[in-house]
Amino acid sequence: MLGPRLFGESVMRKCGLLLVAAIVVTASALAGGYLTRPIHTIPTASGADEDVEAAFQEALRTVEDYYAGPTDMETIGKTSIQGMLRTLDPHSNFFTKAEFDDLQNEQRSHFYGIGVNIRRVFNRVYILSVNPDGPAYRAGLRYGDAVVAVDGQSSDDKSTEEIMDRVRGDKGDFVSLTVERAGTPRPITVRLTRDDVRLPTVRLWFMADRSGTGYIALTGGFSSKTDEELSAAISELKQRGMRQLILDLRGNPGGLLDQAIRVAEVFLPPGEKIVDVRGRDDQAQERVYETPDSNSPEMMPLVILINRRTASASEVVAGALQDHSRAEIVGENSFGKGLVQTIIPLWGGTGLTLTTQRYYTPTGRSIQRDYSKVSFYDYYLNRRENSLRPPARSGNVFHTDLGREVYGGGGITPDKFVRAAESSPVSSMLYDGAFHFVRQLVAGLIPGLREYHVGSTQYKTEITQDDINRYPVNDKVVTAFRAFIAENRQFNVADERLSPNMDYARALIRREIITAAYGAEAGEESFLSDDPQLRRALEVLPEARQLAENSRHEQPR
């Protein structure tokens, strides 16, 4: 994710600042589709521009001289620039130095830290998983540890983002972490040396069934290493017997455009158009990207998963493969971001992403949603209903290589609509409850369930049914979970609300146990077994197989 990741703190923030934070986070996360250019000079104002500049400087001096409270000129400057950019479009953004550093680290697929995934769960920040072989792993930190202090400073009332900022830093520098561990009477303090932490965009891959179906989650954007990561995952799965692939782009916010093009090249025959990038008017240079004549693609059956957070560069991939009838698209409507930002370094290490071009899929459709008549809030956050249905069948209709109708102006419309599991306040509270329950369970603190104790995580990138059967979420575990929820009223899930959601609760409990026992990748793999969109993707593989056959026959001989 680009820029800061902010999470809710209090009722007041939820009513005010949290709304702004959520919009900024989403805007940053969906700012993918990047080009780069060197630092530029700012032209001298003249005429009417001088009047505007003079008015701004006068207002700034007035604020400094007369405002009753303290003033933060850096914040004022940032919000002034951001306000200017908001009048252009929802995706042009200004970044402070720290935020711009984060952006560049995302593109390089790494940063310097300790290698943990943390999150505020109900009332504290906890370690959800630890990267194997990273500093935190070597120091003995584990799933469920509550972070109570960083460098001796209390973490009470600190957000996930604040703690993450404190544990990141320069390579080789030291940081101390104090944690409370379930079942351990006293806090544990460890001293860690910050080191390189990989930030892959291909987050997970495994064999999804016994009939040769591979699954790859390209969900972390598109960075400078995405094509290498994807090729490595494909190579490993082919060694395990993969003959067909499900590529998951759900939640992928975009990133570097050239990497999206390289990903599309992996699956398209030579000479196929991938994307058409155009400037703001007819005089601006247009560039068409095509697969090279020497391209040697993977022609296995392919299904792509998308949802309403699939955006920008990931829509380039999905749009190209859909237009060329190369893949079946399953899920919900994608976000609908067809704008390309140029990354521009500015003074003092700051920078901005400025919309300079639009992209069009091979059929010529723009998938950018209209933002001229909606608020910033509605554009980003209040659009779930539209993500579950195709655009109106107006004149904005295009046809794929095999004649299927597709639509422009509203994101990528999947070939097979499948709703994601609904989120609700109950499901959120169940997640918190399941995490706290499993934290006690794997520490051996739940009476009668000592066999679920996990002494240390045995990391696995692919789990077997035997691994899952070792920790069954049976009636005994469910009964203990119900009792735990009843005793801990802070989770606020009455039994009449819990019962209709027990299948979801079981899946959460299983994921948490598997994460504690085998690592985050294994936990996510177990959770996906209950995913309705993935199940549908498995069902449409015969149709994807026919598309692959058609593409093979169309290749030059």
Protein backbone atom coordinates (compact mmCIF):
# COMPACT_ATOMS: atom_id res chain seq x y z
CA MET A 1 0.00 0.00 0.00
CA LEU A 2 1.25 3.42 -0.84
CA GLY A 3 1.52 6.07 1.87
CA PRO A 4 0.47 5.58 5.49
CA ARG A 5 -1.83 2.79 6.62
CA LEU A 6 -4.15 4.25 9.21
CA PHE A 7 -6.54 2.39 11.48
CA GLY A 8 -9.40 3.49 13.77
CA GLU A 9 -8.45 4.77 17.19
CA SER A 10 -11.53 6.09 19.00
CA VAL A 11 -15.15 7.00 18.59
CA MET A 12 -14.21 10.62 17.90
CA ARG A 13 -11.79 9.61 15.15
CA LYS A 14 -14.35 7.27 13.65
CA CYS A 15 -16.77 10.18 13.46
CA GLY A 16 -14.27 12.63 12.00
CA LEU A 17 -10.64 12.01 11.24
CA LEU A 18 -11.10 8.34 10.42
CA LEU A 19 -13.25 9.18 7.43
CA VAL A 20 -10.52 11.41 6.04
CA ALA A 21 -7.85 8.83 6.85
CA ALA A 22 -9.78 6.04 5.17
CA ILE A 23 -10.21 8.10 2.00
CA VAL A 24 -6.54 9.10 1.90
CA VAL A 25 -5.42 5.51 2.47
CA THR A 26 -7.71 4.23 -0.28
CA ALA A 27 -6.64 6.99 -2.63
CA SER A 28 -3.01 6.15 -2.09
CA ALA A 29 -3.62 2.42 -2.39
CA LEU A 30 -5.35 2.83 -5.75
CA ALA A 31 -2.78 5.20 -7.21
CA GLY A 32 -1.14 2.50 -9.31
CA GLY A 33 -0.31 2.65 -12.99
CA TYR A 34 2.88 4.61 -12.58
CA LEU A 35 5.43 6.08 -14.94
CA THR A 36 8.51 7.94 -13.70
CA ARG A 37 10.24 11.18 -14.65
CA PRO A 38 13.05 13.30 -13.20
CA ILE A 39 12.64 16.33 -10.96
CA HIS A 40 11.39 19.42 -12.76
CA THR A 41 11.63 23.15 -12.13
CA ILE A 42 8.63 25.24 -11.13
CA PRO A 43 7.79 27.99 -13.65
CA THR A 44 7.74 31.60 -12.51
CA ALA A 45 4.25 32.98 -11.97
CA SER A 46 3.07 35.90 -14.04
CA GLY A 47 -0.12 37.88 -14.60
CA ALA A 48 -3.15 36.23 -13.00
CA ASP A 49 -0.87 33.57 -11.52
CA GLU A 50 0.95 36.29 -9.57
CA ASP A 51 -2.37 37.45 -8.07
CA VAL A 52 -3.17 33.91 -6.93
CA GLU A 53 0.30 33.45 -5.46
CA ALA A 54 0.13 36.79 -3.66
CA ALA A 55 -3.28 35.93 -2.20
CA PHE A 56 -1.99 32.57 -0.98
CA GLN A 57 1.10 34.12 0.64
CA GLU A 58 -1.04 36.79 2.34
CA ALA A 59 -3.44 34.16 3.71
CA LEU A 60 -0.50 32.12 4.95
CA ARG A 61 1.04 35.08 6.76
CA THR A 62 -2.33 35.93 8.31
CA VAL A 63 -2.68 32.41 9.67
CA GLU A 64 0.82 32.55 11.16
CA ASP A 65 0.30 35.97 12.72
CA TYR A 66 -3.25 35.78 14.07
CA TYR A 67 -4.47 32.18 14.40
CA ALA A 68 -5.37 31.48 18.07
CA GLY A 69 -3.93 27.96 18.21
CA PRO A 70 -0.58 26.42 17.26
CA THR A 71 0.13 26.09 13.55
CA ASP A 72 1.90 23.25 11.77
CA MET A 73 3.14 24.83 8.55
CA GLU A 74 4.21 21.49 7.10
CA THR A 75 0.68 20.16 7.48
CA ILE A 76 -0.81 23.35 6.10
CA GLY A 77 1.49 23.18 3.11
CA LYS A 78 0.67 19.54 2.46
CA THR A 79 -3.09 20.02 2.68
CA SER A 80 -2.89 23.09 0.43
CA ILE A 81 -1.10 21.12 -2.28
CA GLN A 82 -3.42 18.16 -1.82
CA GLY A 83 -6.46 20.42 -2.12
CA MET A 84 -5.12 21.77 -5.39
CA LEU A 85 -4.59 18.27 -6.73
CA ARG A 86 -8.10 17.21 -5.67
CA THR A 87 -9.54 19.71 -8.16
CA LEU A 88 -7.82 17.75 -10.94
CA ASP A 89 -8.80 14.13 -10.22
CA PRO A 90 -9.03 11.65 -7.33
CA HIS A 91 -5.68 9.97 -8.08
CA SER A 92 -3.14 12.80 -8.18
CA ASN A 93 -1.45 12.86 -4.77
CA PHE A 94 1.23 14.72 -2.84
CA PHE A 95 3.61 12.78 -0.58
CA THR A 96 5.69 13.99 2.33
CA LYS A 97 9.27 12.77 2.45
CA ALA A 98 8.38 9.82 4.68
CA GLU A 99 5.45 8.87 2.47
CA PHE A 100 7.52 9.25 -0.69
CA ASP A 101 10.19 7.00 0.81
CA ASP A 102 7.47 4.41 1.49
CA LEU A 103 6.29 4.68 -2.11
CA GLN A 104 9.77 4.05 -3.45
CA ASN A 105 10.29 1.14 -1.05
CA GLU A 106 7.06 -0.40 -2.34
CA GLN A 107 8.39 -0.17 -5.88
CA ARG A 108 11.68 -1.82 -4.84
CA SER A 109 9.78 -4.64 -3.07
CA HIS A 110 11.62 -4.24 0.22
CA PHE A 111 12.22 -2.05 3.27
CA TYR A 112 14.31 -2.23 6.45
CA GLY A 113 12.56 -3.48 9.53
CA ILE A 114 12.13 -6.56 11.73
CA GLY A 115 9.81 -8.74 9.62
CA VAL A 116 6.45 -8.86 11.39
CA ASN A 117 2.84 -8.42 10.36
CA ILE A 118 1.00 -6.50 13.07
CA ARG A 119 -2.53 -5.25 13.59
CA ARG A 120 -4.63 -3.63 16.28
CA VAL A 121 -7.11 -6.29 17.35
CA PHE A 122 -9.79 -4.86 19.61
CA ASN A 123 -7.67 -2.99 22.14
CA ARG A 124 -3.97 -3.66 21.48
CA VAL A 125 -1.50 -4.18 18.67
CA TYR A 126 -0.55 -7.82 18.18
CA ILE A 127 1.87 -9.76 16.04
CA LEU A 128 -0.22 -11.73 13.56
CA SER A 129 2.70 -13.44 11.85
CA VAL A 130 6.49 -13.39 11.69
CA ASN A 131 8.57 -13.62 8.51
CA PRO A 132 10.68 -16.79 8.63
CA ASP A 133 14.42 -16.07 8.92
CA GLY A 134 13.82 -12.37 9.65
CA PRO A 135 15.05 -10.44 12.72
CA ALA A 136 11.84 -11.03 14.68
CA TYR A 137 11.92 -14.76 13.92
CA ARG A 138 15.54 -15.02 15.05
CA ALA A 139 14.66 -13.17 18.26
CA GLY A 140 11.91 -15.65 19.08
CA LEU A 141 8.87 -13.43 18.55
CA ARG A 142 5.74 -15.33 17.58
CA TYR A 143 2.07 -15.27 16.66
CA GLY A 144 -0.12 -13.62 19.30
CA ASP A 145 2.57 -11.56 21.05
CA ALA A 146 1.13 -8.23 22.22
CA VAL A 147 3.45 -5.29 21.57
CA VAL A 148 3.56 -3.24 24.79
CA ALA A 149 6.65 -1.07 24.19
CA VAL A 150 9.09 -0.07 21.46
CA ASP A 151 12.51 1.19 22.62
CA GLY A 152 11.10 1.47 26.13
CA GLN A 153 8.22 3.72 25.09
CA SER A 154 4.74 2.41 25.85
CA SER A 155 2.62 1.30 22.91
CA ASP A 156 -0.66 1.93 24.71
CA ASP A 157 -3.08 3.86 22.50
CA LYS A 158 -0.68 3.63 19.54
CA SER A 159 -2.04 2.75 16.12
CA THR A 160 -0.70 -0.04 13.93
CA GLU A 161 0.87 2.56 11.67
CA GLU A 162 2.60 4.38 14.52
CA ILE A 163 4.18 1.18 15.80
CA MET A 164 5.17 0.11 12.29
CA ASP A 165 6.90 3.44 11.75
CA ARG A 166 8.84 2.98 14.99
CA VAL A 167 10.10 -0.53 14.19
CA ARG A 168 11.19 0.43 10.67
CA GLY A 169 14.40 2.38 10.12
CA ASP A 170 17.88 2.12 8.68
CA LYS A 171 19.54 -1.22 8.04
CA GLY A 172 21.80 -2.30 10.91
CA ASP A 173 20.19 -0.04 13.52
CA PHE A 174 18.89 -1.57 16.72
CA VAL A 175 15.35 -1.54 18.09
CA SER A 176 14.00 -3.17 21.25
CA LEU A 177 10.53 -4.66 21.49
CA THR A 178 8.69 -5.57 24.67
CA VAL A 179 5.85 -8.06 24.26
CA GLU A 180 3.36 -9.84 26.46
CA ARG A 181 2.91 -13.51 25.59
CA ALA A 182 -0.10 -15.59 26.56
CA GLY A 183 0.87 -18.02 29.29
CA THR A 184 4.09 -16.16 30.17
CA PRO A 185 3.96 -14.31 33.53
CA ARG A 186 6.31 -11.44 32.68
CA PRO A 187 6.82 -9.27 29.60
CA ILE A 188 9.63 -10.28 27.24
CA THR A 189 12.07 -7.69 25.87
CA VAL A 190 14.21 -8.49 22.85
CA ARG A 191 16.80 -6.41 20.99
CA LEU A 192 16.67 -6.68 17.21
CA THR A 193 18.85 -5.46 14.36
CA ARG A 194 16.88 -3.99 11.50
CA ASP A 195 17.48 -5.81 8.26
CA ASP A 196 16.16 -6.08 4.74
CA VAL A 197 12.53 -7.25 4.69
CA ARG A 198 11.09 -8.43 1.41
CA LEU A 199 7.78 -6.97 0.34
CA PRO A 200 6.69 -9.32 -2.45
CA THR A 201 3.77 -8.61 -4.73
CA VAL A 202 3.17 -12.33 -5.34
CA ARG A 203 2.07 -13.21 -1.82
CA LEU A 204 0.98 -16.85 -2.06
CA TRP A 205 1.00 -19.84 -4.40
CA PHE A 206 -0.06 -23.46 -4.00
CA MET A 207 -1.75 -26.36 -5.77
CA ALA A 208 -5.49 -25.82 -5.39
CA ASP A 209 -6.62 -29.36 -6.21
CA ARG A 210 -5.34 -32.75 -7.30
CA SER A 211 -6.20 -32.22 -10.98
CA GLY A 212 -3.25 -29.91 -11.68
CA THR A 213 -4.76 -26.53 -10.77
CA GLY A 214 -2.31 -23.97 -9.46
CA TYR A 215 -3.26 -20.84 -7.52
CA ILE A 216 -1.16 -17.65 -7.46
CA ALA A 217 -2.09 -14.55 -5.44
CA LEU A 218 -0.67 -11.49 -7.17
CA THR A 219 -2.28 -9.20 -4.62
CA GLY A 220 0.52 -6.88 -3.48
CA GLY A 221 0.54 -4.43 -6.40
CA PHE A 222 3.10 -4.30 -9.21
CA SER A 223 6.68 -3.50 -8.21
CA SER A 224 10.00 -3.76 -10.02
CA LYS A 225 10.23 -7.49 -9.21
CA THR A 226 6.68 -8.62 -10.01
CA ASP A 227 7.48 -10.37 -13.29
CA GLU A 228 10.36 -12.26 -11.65
CA GLU A 229 8.17 -13.27 -8.70
CA LEU A 230 5.39 -14.49 -11.00
CA SER A 231 7.78 -16.48 -13.18
CA ALA A 232 9.31 -18.12 -10.10
CA ALA A 233 5.88 -19.08 -8.74
CA ILE A 234 4.78 -20.51 -12.10
CA SER A 235 8.01 -22.49 -12.43
CA GLU A 236 7.64 -23.99 -8.94
CA LEU A 237 3.98 -24.92 -9.47
CA LYS A 238 4.73 -26.52 -12.84
CA GLN A 239 7.27 -28.72 -11.06
CA ARG A 240 4.44 -29.78 -8.75
CA GLY A 241 2.29 -30.73 -11.74
CA MET A 242 0.38 -27.54 -12.56
CA ARG A 243 -1.51 -27.71 -15.88
CA GLN A 244 -4.00 -24.87 -15.33
CA LEU A 245 -3.87 -21.66 -13.28
CA ILE A 246 -6.06 -19.38 -11.18
CA LEU A 247 -4.45 -15.93 -10.94
CA ASP A 248 -5.86 -13.90 -8.05
CA LEU A 249 -5.80 -10.12 -8.59
CA ARG A 250 -8.35 -9.32 -5.88
CA GLY A 251 -7.33 -6.33 -3.81
CA ASN A 252 -4.39 -5.56 -6.11
CA PRO A 253 -4.19 -1.73 -6.10
CA GLY A 254 -1.91 -1.42 -9.15
CA GLY A 255 1.62 -0.11 -9.39
CA LEU A 256 4.21 0.06 -12.16
CA LEU A 257 2.63 -0.05 -15.60
CA ASP A 258 5.61 -1.72 -17.27
CA GLN A 259 5.29 -4.63 -14.84
CA ALA A 260 1.61 -5.04 -15.66
CA ILE A 261 2.57 -5.24 -19.31
CA ARG A 262 5.18 -7.91 -18.56
CA VAL A 263 2.64 -9.94 -16.61
CA ALA A 264 0.19 -9.82 -19.53
CA GLU A 265 3.00 -10.93 -21.86
CA VAL A 266 3.37 -14.11 -19.81
CA PHE A 267 0.00 -15.33 -21.11
CA LEU A 268 -0.58 -13.66 -24.51
CA PRO A 269 0.65 -14.85 -27.92
CA PRO A 270 3.07 -12.71 -29.99
CA GLY A 271 1.78 -9.53 -31.62
CA GLU A 272 -1.21 -8.98 -29.31
CA LYS A 273 -2.07 -5.48 -28.11
CA ILE A 274 -1.93 -5.14 -24.32
CA VAL A 275 -2.77 -1.51 -23.62
CA ASP A 276 -3.07 1.81 -25.41
CA VAL A 277 -1.76 4.79 -23.39
CA ARG A 278 -2.97 8.24 -24.48
CA GLY A 279 -2.37 11.78 -23.28
CA ARG A 280 -4.90 14.49 -22.57
CA ASP A 281 -5.61 15.48 -26.16
CA ASP A 282 -5.20 14.30 -29.74
CA GLN A 283 -1.86 16.07 -30.07
CA ALA A 284 -0.34 14.19 -27.13
CA GLN A 285 1.77 11.19 -28.00
CA GLU A 286 -0.06 7.87 -28.03
CA ARG A 287 1.78 4.66 -27.26
CA VAL A 288 0.52 1.17 -27.95
CA TYR A 289 2.10 -1.74 -26.08
CA GLU A 290 2.08 -5.17 -27.74
CA THR A 291 3.59 -8.54 -26.97
CA PRO A 292 6.91 -8.96 -28.82
CA ASP A 293 7.10 -11.23 -31.85
CA SER A 294 9.52 -13.46 -29.97
CA ASN A 295 7.13 -13.94 -27.04
CA SER A 296 6.82 -17.50 -25.73
CA PRO A 297 3.73 -17.41 -23.54
CA GLU A 298 2.29 -19.84 -21.02
CA MET A 299 -0.77 -21.16 -22.85
CA MET A 300 -2.33 -23.17 -20.02
CA PRO A 301 -6.02 -22.61 -19.10
CA LEU A 302 -6.32 -19.41 -17.06
CA VAL A 303 -8.94 -17.96 -14.71
CA ILE A 304 -8.50 -14.51 -13.17
CA LEU A 305 -10.16 -13.42 -9.91
CA ILE A 306 -11.04 -9.73 -9.49
CA ASN A 307 -13.05 -7.64 -7.05
CA ARG A 308 -13.97 -4.00 -6.42
CA ARG A 309 -10.43 -3.29 -5.13
CA THR A 310 -8.73 -4.63 -8.25
CA ALA A 311 -7.46 -1.38 -9.75
CA SER A 312 -5.26 0.32 -12.32
CA ALA A 313 -2.32 -1.80 -13.46
CA SER A 314 -4.12 -4.98 -12.40
CA GLU A 315 -7.06 -3.88 -14.57
CA VAL A 316 -4.64 -3.57 -17.49
CA VAL A 317 -3.82 -7.26 -17.07
CA ALA A 318 -7.42 -8.40 -16.60
CA GLY A 319 -8.67 -6.18 -19.46
CA ALA A 320 -6.07 -7.39 -21.95
CA LEU A 321 -6.65 -11.07 -21.19
CA GLN A 322 -10.42 -10.62 -21.31
CA ASP A 323 -10.39 -8.66 -24.59
CA HIS A 324 -8.26 -11.33 -26.25
CA SER A 325 -10.52 -14.12 -24.92
CA ARG A 326 -7.49 -15.61 -23.21
CA ALA A 327 -8.92 -16.00 -19.68
CA GLU A 328 -12.19 -16.36 -17.83
CA ILE A 329 -12.73 -13.46 -15.40
CA VAL A 330 -14.53 -14.33 -12.14
CA GLY A 331 -15.66 -12.15 -9.23
CA GLU A 332 -17.04 -8.62 -8.93
CA ASN A 333 -16.61 -5.46 -11.01
CA SER A 334 -13.12 -4.04 -10.63
CA PHE A 335 -12.47 -0.54 -9.28
CA GLY A 336 -12.43 1.31 -12.60
CA LYS A 337 -9.19 3.31 -12.62
CA GLY A 338 -7.91 4.02 -16.11
CA LEU A 339 -5.64 6.93 -15.21
CA VAL A 340 -1.84 6.75 -15.32
CA GLN A 341 0.23 8.77 -12.85
CA THR A 342 3.74 10.03 -13.43
CA ILE A 343 5.91 9.95 -10.30
CA ILE A 344 7.61 13.33 -9.91
CA PRO A 345 10.28 13.91 -7.24
CA LEU A 346 10.08 17.37 -5.64
CA TRP A 347 12.14 19.43 -3.21
CA GLY A 348 13.27 18.07 0.14
CA GLY A 349 12.61 14.46 -0.76
CA THR A 350 8.88 15.00 -1.23
CA GLY A 351 7.06 14.03 -4.40
CA LEU A 352 3.78 13.72 -6.16
CA THR A 353 1.95 11.40 -8.50
CA LEU A 354 0.29 13.42 -11.25
CA THR A 355 -2.22 12.04 -13.73
CA THR A 356 -0.69 12.52 -17.17
CA GLN A 357 -2.33 9.82 -19.32
CA ARG A 358 -5.22 7.42 -19.67
CA TYR A 359 -5.08 3.82 -20.72
CA TYR A 360 -7.41 1.85 -22.96
CA THR A 361 -7.79 -1.90 -23.26
CA PRO A 362 -7.11 -3.67 -26.58
CA THR A 363 -10.75 -3.27 -27.72
CA GLY A 364 -10.45 0.49 -27.13
CA ARG A 365 -12.51 0.75 -23.96
CA SER A 366 -11.62 3.13 -21.18
CA ILE A 367 -12.37 1.54 -17.84
CA GLN A 368 -12.10 4.78 -15.84
CA ARG A 369 -15.23 5.52 -13.85
CA ASP A 370 -16.71 9.00 -14.05
CA TYR A 371 -15.60 11.06 -11.03
CA SER A 372 -16.94 14.44 -12.14
CA LYS A 373 -20.32 14.17 -10.43
CA VAL A 374 -19.53 12.28 -7.23
CA SER A 375 -17.84 13.23 -4.00
CA PHE A 376 -14.38 12.03 -3.09
CA TYR A 377 -15.98 9.80 -0.44
CA ASP A 378 -18.46 8.22 -2.83
CA TYR A 379 -15.82 7.65 -5.49
CA TYR A 380 -13.65 5.58 -3.18
CA LEU A 381 -15.82 4.12 -0.46
CA ASN A 382 -19.52 4.19 -1.25
CA ARG A 383 -19.70 2.03 -4.34
CA ARG A 384 -20.24 -1.56 -3.28
CA GLU A 385 -23.61 -1.96 -5.03
CA ASN A 386 -22.18 -0.89 -8.39
CA SER A 387 -19.34 -3.39 -8.03
CA LEU A 388 -21.86 -6.23 -8.05
CA ARG A 389 -23.52 -5.57 -11.39
CA PRO A 390 -22.43 -4.75 -14.94
CA PRO A 391 -22.63 -1.20 -16.34
CA ALA A 392 -25.87 -0.22 -18.06
CA ARG A 393 -26.06 -1.60 -21.60
CA SER A 394 -25.83 1.69 -23.42
CA GLY A 395 -23.72 2.50 -26.47
CA ASN A 396 -20.55 1.82 -24.47
CA VAL A 397 -20.29 -1.79 -25.69
CA PHE A 398 -17.19 -3.52 -27.12
CA HIS A 399 -16.50 -7.06 -28.28
CA THR A 400 -13.72 -9.47 -27.39
CA ASP A 401 -11.79 -11.52 -29.94
CA LEU A 402 -14.48 -14.21 -29.74
CA GLY A 403 -17.36 -11.75 -29.89
CA ARG A 404 -18.35 -11.55 -26.22
CA GLU A 405 -19.78 -8.20 -25.12
CA VAL A 406 -17.68 -6.16 -22.68
CA TYR A 407 -18.23 -2.67 -21.35
CA GLY A 408 -16.22 0.50 -20.85
CA GLY A 409 -16.41 3.25 -18.29
CA GLY A 410 -16.99 1.18 -15.17
CA GLY A 411 -14.08 -1.11 -14.50
CA ILE A 412 -13.65 -4.66 -15.74
CA THR A 413 -16.91 -6.59 -15.73
CA PRO A 414 -16.26 -10.25 -14.90
CA ASP A 415 -17.50 -12.99 -17.18
CA LYS A 416 -18.92 -14.77 -14.13
CA PHE A 417 -20.35 -12.66 -11.29
CA VAL A 418 -19.76 -14.06 -7.82
CA ARG A 419 -20.40 -12.08 -4.68
CA ALA A 420 -17.71 -12.05 -2.02
CA ALA A 421 -18.60 -13.12 1.49
CA GLU A 422 -20.44 -10.23 3.09
CA SER A 423 -18.64 -8.23 5.77
CA SER A 424 -20.59 -6.86 8.72
CA PRO A 425 -20.08 -5.61 12.27
CA VAL A 426 -20.70 -9.20 13.42
CA SER A 427 -17.98 -10.61 11.16
CA SER A 428 -15.55 -7.96 12.40
CA MET A 429 -16.25 -8.81 16.02
CA LEU A 430 -15.97 -12.52 15.22
CA TYR A 431 -12.50 -11.91 13.78
CA ASP A 432 -11.41 -10.18 16.99
CA GLY A 433 -12.96 -12.93 19.09
CA ALA A 434 -11.43 -15.75 17.02
CA PHE A 435 -7.97 -14.18 17.24
CA HIS A 436 -8.10 -13.78 21.02
CA PHE A 437 -9.53 -17.27 21.45
CA VAL A 438 -6.84 -18.90 19.30
CA ARG A 439 -4.14 -16.85 21.03
CA GLN A 440 -5.19 -18.57 24.28
CA LEU A 441 -5.76 -21.92 22.56
CA VAL A 442 -2.30 -22.29 20.98
CA ALA A 443 -0.72 -21.17 24.27
CA GLY A 444 -2.34 -24.20 25.92
CA LEU A 445 -4.60 -22.10 28.15
CA ILE A 446 -8.04 -23.39 27.07
CA PRO A 447 -9.10 -26.18 29.48
CA GLY A 448 -9.46 -29.59 27.87
CA LEU A 449 -7.73 -28.60 24.61
CA ARG A 450 -4.09 -28.96 25.53
CA GLU A 451 -3.41 -30.83 22.25
CA TYR A 452 -3.78 -27.53 20.38
CA HIS A 453 -0.72 -26.06 22.06
CA VAL A 454 1.82 -24.76 19.49
CA GLY A 455 5.36 -24.52 20.85
CA SER A 456 6.83 -22.89 17.74
CA THR A 457 5.76 -22.20 14.18
CA GLN A 458 6.83 -24.82 11.64
CA TYR A 459 6.72 -22.75 8.46
CA LYS A 460 5.14 -24.37 5.40
CA THR A 461 4.41 -22.83 2.02
CA GLU A 462 1.91 -25.57 1.19
CA ILE A 463 -0.16 -27.56 3.63
CA THR A 464 -1.66 -31.03 3.38
CA GLN A 465 -4.94 -32.37 4.66
CA ASP A 466 -2.98 -34.13 7.38
CA ASP A 467 -1.67 -30.73 8.55
CA ILE A 468 -5.23 -29.43 8.81
CA ASN A 469 -6.53 -32.61 10.45
CA ARG A 470 -3.93 -32.24 13.18
CA TYR A 471 -5.89 -29.24 14.51
CA PRO A 472 -9.57 -30.00 13.75
CA VAL A 473 -12.13 -27.30 14.47
CA ASN A 474 -14.53 -29.85 15.94
CA ASP A 475 -17.54 -29.53 18.22
CA LYS A 476 -15.29 -29.46 21.27
CA VAL A 477 -13.41 -26.43 19.93
CA VAL A 478 -16.67 -24.71 18.92
CA THR A 479 -18.13 -25.24 22.39
CA ALA A 480 -15.01 -23.72 23.96
CA PHE A 481 -15.22 -20.77 21.54
CA ARG A 482 -18.86 -20.12 22.43
CA ALA A 483 -17.95 -20.13 26.11
CA PHE A 484 -15.02 -17.77 25.45
CA ILE A 485 -17.25 -15.30 23.59
CA ALA A 486 -19.89 -15.45 26.32
CA GLU A 487 -17.29 -14.73 29.01
CA ASN A 488 -15.68 -11.85 27.12
CA ARG A 489 -18.48 -9.39 26.59
CA GLN A 490 -16.22 -6.89 24.82
CA PHE A 491 -16.74 -8.88 21.62
CA ASN A 492 -20.46 -8.12 21.84
CA VAL A 493 -21.67 -11.18 19.91
CA ALA A 494 -24.80 -12.61 21.45
CA ASP A 495 -25.46 -16.30 20.90
CA GLU A 496 -28.42 -15.60 18.61
CA ARG A 497 -26.08 -13.60 16.36
CA LEU A 498 -23.23 -16.08 16.67
CA SER A 499 -25.16 -19.18 15.61
CA PRO A 500 -25.99 -18.04 12.03
CA ASN A 501 -22.31 -17.14 11.52
CA MET A 502 -20.69 -20.26 12.95
CA ASP A 503 -19.43 -21.51 9.56
CA TYR A 504 -17.55 -18.23 9.17
CA ALA A 505 -16.31 -18.45 12.77
CA ARG A 506 -15.04 -21.99 12.17
CA ALA A 507 -13.11 -20.82 9.10
CA LEU A 508 -11.58 -17.94 11.10
CA ILE A 509 -10.57 -20.24 13.95
CA ARG A 510 -8.98 -22.71 11.53
CA ARG A 511 -7.04 -19.96 9.77
CA GLU A 512 -5.68 -18.60 13.04
CA ILE A 513 -4.64 -22.03 14.30
CA ILE A 514 -2.94 -22.90 11.00
CA THR A 515 -1.21 -19.49 10.98
CA ALA A 516 0.15 -20.09 14.48
CA ALA A 517 1.25 -23.63 13.59
CA TYR A 518 2.56 -23.25 10.03
CA GLY A 519 2.77 -19.53 9.17
CA ALA A 520 0.68 -16.84 7.49
CA GLU A 521 0.82 -18.36 4.00
CA ALA A 522 -0.52 -21.68 5.26
CA GLY A 523 -3.24 -19.91 7.23
CA GLU A 524 -4.40 -17.98 4.19
CA GLU A 525 -4.37 -21.15 2.08
CA SER A 526 -6.66 -22.88 4.58
CA PHE A 527 -9.02 -19.89 4.63
CA LEU A 528 -9.31 -19.85 0.83
CA SER A 529 -10.85 -23.33 0.88
CA ASP A 530 -14.12 -21.63 1.97
CA ASP A 531 -13.89 -18.80 -0.59
CA PRO A 532 -16.99 -18.76 -2.87
CA GLN A 533 -15.18 -16.87 -5.64
CA LEU A 534 -12.31 -19.34 -5.70
CA ARG A 535 -14.74 -22.26 -5.76
CA ARG A 536 -16.46 -20.70 -8.78
CA ALA A 537 -13.09 -20.20 -10.48
CA LEU A 538 -12.43 -23.93 -10.15
CA GLU A 539 -15.81 -24.66 -11.74
CA VAL A 540 -15.18 -22.57 -14.88
CA LEU A 541 -11.78 -24.10 -15.69
CA PRO A 542 -13.31 -26.19 -18.54
CA GLU A 543 -14.36 -22.93 -20.23
CA ALA A 544 -10.89 -21.50 -19.64
CA ARG A 545 -9.44 -24.62 -21.22
CA GLN A 546 -11.43 -23.92 -24.41
CA LEU A 547 -10.16 -20.32 -24.52
CA ALA A 548 -6.59 -21.58 -24.19
CA GLU A 549 -7.14 -24.00 -27.08
CA ASN A 550 -8.49 -21.20 -29.26
CA SER A 551 -5.46 -19.03 -28.45
CA ARG A 552 -3.06 -21.83 -29.31
CA HIS A 553 -4.66 -22.32 -32.71
CA GLU A 554 -4.41 -18.61 -33.50
CA GLN A 555 -0.64 -18.47 -32.90
CA PRO A 556 1.62 -18.23 -35.98
CA ARG A 557 2.95 -21.61 -37.11
